[in-house]
Structures are given as structure tokens and as C-alpha cells.
Protein backbone atom coordinates (compact mmCIF):
# COMPACT_ATOMS: atom_id res chain seq x y z
CA MET A 1 57.09 81.41 25.33
CA CYS A 2 58.13 79.08 22.92
CA ILE A 3 56.51 77.60 19.56
CA GLY A 4 57.86 74.30 18.35
CA ILE A 5 57.47 74.61 14.00
CA PRO A 6 56.97 71.37 12.69
CA MET A 7 59.77 70.64 9.57
CA GLN A 8 60.85 67.95 7.09
CA VAL A 9 64.18 67.80 6.77
CA VAL A 10 65.15 68.05 2.68
CA SER A 11 69.32 67.22 3.70
CA ALA A 12 71.09 66.73 6.46
CA SER A 13 75.26 67.32 6.91
CA ALA A 14 76.88 66.67 10.34
CA ARG A 15 74.60 68.40 13.37
CA ARG A 16 72.65 70.17 10.91
CA ALA A 17 69.71 69.67 8.44
CA LEU A 18 68.08 71.73 5.99
CA VAL A 19 64.32 72.24 6.80
CA ARG A 20 61.58 73.39 5.69
CA GLY A 21 57.81 74.05 6.77
CA ARG A 22 55.00 76.35 7.73
CA GLY A 23 56.59 78.07 3.73
CA GLU A 24 59.75 78.23 5.57
CA GLN A 25 63.36 76.99 4.90
CA ARG A 26 65.85 77.72 7.17
CA GLU A 27 69.20 75.44 8.25
CA VAL A 28 68.78 74.20 12.22
CA ASP A 29 71.03 71.97 14.43
CA THR A 30 70.42 68.96 14.86
CA ALA A 31 72.00 67.80 17.80
CA LEU A 32 69.82 66.67 20.43
CA VAL A 33 68.26 64.54 17.64
CA GLY A 34 71.30 62.82 16.01
CA GLU A 35 71.55 62.51 12.49
CA VAL A 36 68.53 62.41 10.55
CA ALA A 37 67.79 62.05 6.66
CA ALA A 38 65.36 64.13 4.36
CA GLY A 39 62.05 62.98 4.38
CA GLU A 40 61.94 62.95 8.35
CA TRP A 41 59.76 65.34 10.29
CA LEU A 42 61.69 67.11 13.54
CA LEU A 43 59.57 69.55 15.69
CA VAL A 44 61.90 72.90 15.83
CA PHE A 45 62.36 75.29 18.77
CA LEU A 46 64.57 78.35 18.26
CA ASP A 47 66.74 76.76 14.89
CA ALA A 48 67.49 73.95 16.78
CA ALA A 49 65.62 70.31 16.44
CA ARG A 50 64.51 68.77 20.04
CA GLU A 51 62.15 65.55 18.59
CA ARG A 52 61.69 63.55 16.11
CA ILE A 53 58.07 63.64 14.89
CA ASP A 54 56.21 61.49 12.39
CA ALA A 55 53.98 62.75 10.01
CA GLN A 56 50.61 62.05 11.85
CA ARG A 57 52.36 64.44 14.53
CA ALA A 58 53.41 67.27 12.29
CA ALA A 59 49.72 67.08 11.03
CA GLU A 60 48.29 68.18 14.50
CA VAL A 61 50.77 70.03 14.99
CA ASN A 62 50.11 71.90 12.12
CA ALA A 63 46.47 72.21 13.08
CA ALA A 64 46.85 73.40 16.68
CA LEU A 65 49.41 76.61 15.28
CA ASP A 66 46.50 77.02 12.15
CA LEU A 67 43.36 77.57 14.57
CA LEU A 68 46.19 79.78 16.78
CA ALA A 69 46.39 81.64 13.88
CA GLY A 70 42.87 81.75 12.93
CA ALA A 71 42.45 82.97 16.25
CA LEU A 72 44.64 85.45 16.43
CA GLY A 73 43.33 87.02 13.25
CA GLY A 74 40.76 87.25 14.76
CA GLN A 75 38.68 83.83 12.72
CA PRO A 76 35.95 82.35 14.27
CA LEU A 77 37.03 78.43 15.83
CA LEU A 78 35.50 75.02 14.82
CA ALA A 79 35.52 74.22 18.88
CA ASP A 80 32.76 71.22 17.54
CA ASP A 81 35.73 69.25 15.52
CA PRO A 82 38.59 70.87 15.33
CA GLY A 83 40.78 68.18 13.12
CA PHE A 84 42.74 67.08 16.02
CA ALA A 85 41.70 65.63 19.75
CA LEU A 86 43.57 67.15 22.52
CA PRO A 87 44.83 64.05 25.11
CA SER A 88 42.67 65.89 27.62
CA ALA A 89 39.66 63.98 25.03
CA MET A 90 41.67 60.29 24.62
CA SER A 91 41.89 57.82 26.64
CA ALA A 92 44.95 57.31 29.18
CA ARG A 93 45.57 54.33 26.01
CA GLU A 94 45.78 57.08 23.80
CA VAL A 95 48.10 59.34 25.77
CA ALA A 96 50.34 56.31 26.07
CA ALA A 97 50.68 56.19 22.61
CA LEU A 98 51.10 60.07 21.91
CA ALA A 99 53.81 59.96 24.55
CA GLY A 100 55.12 57.22 23.17
CA LEU A 101 55.12 55.50 26.56
CA PRO A 102 53.70 51.29 26.73
CA SER A 103 49.74 51.39 26.88
CA PRO A 104 48.08 51.45 30.63
CA ASN A 105 46.12 48.64 31.61
CA ASP A 106 42.53 48.96 30.89
């Protein structure tokens, strides 16, 4: 299983970026996302940036990862308010916006 980690660009050079997130800093390959700039958020898998994301999406992914870490550590889940909405609880318009697609007609 591969889990994407939201990481923020600290500095960038040709096809590489120094990123920081979830308590670590590392250099990643940016060939799949193109040129990046300091401050941008990336979703990183196996030391390669796979997707550009915004700060809100980074916070949502981090919240999900925090819940996962808590569950694996034996902490109870906050099922009534995890701090974000899963796609299954979203409207068609919200899912389209999350996926970067045009909003469906209501």
C-alpha cells in the first residue's frame, strides 16, 4: 500500500524540491508535477511528487493520516467529527470540486 504525504516546498531546483511535512524534510523528484515554487503543497509518494494540492487539501489529508496513526496506536476514533468530510458524505458538487471537475447540473 502506498500513502501520499502532503509536503510543502521549501526550495526547488530543476526536477527536484526540498519539502517538509509531518515532522520530516526530504528531497523529492518533481518530474511528474513540473516546476514548483517555495510554499506550494505537493502530495508525495515514495520520494516523488505526484500531485499539486492546496493548503486545505493538505490539511484534510493530514487529518486523515492523524486518525489512521491514532487508530493504529490504539486511540479511539472521533467518528462523530473527524474534522473533514469523506467523499461518501459529500454532495455531487463537492465531490466534483474535490476532483477538479466541472460542477454537475442539479
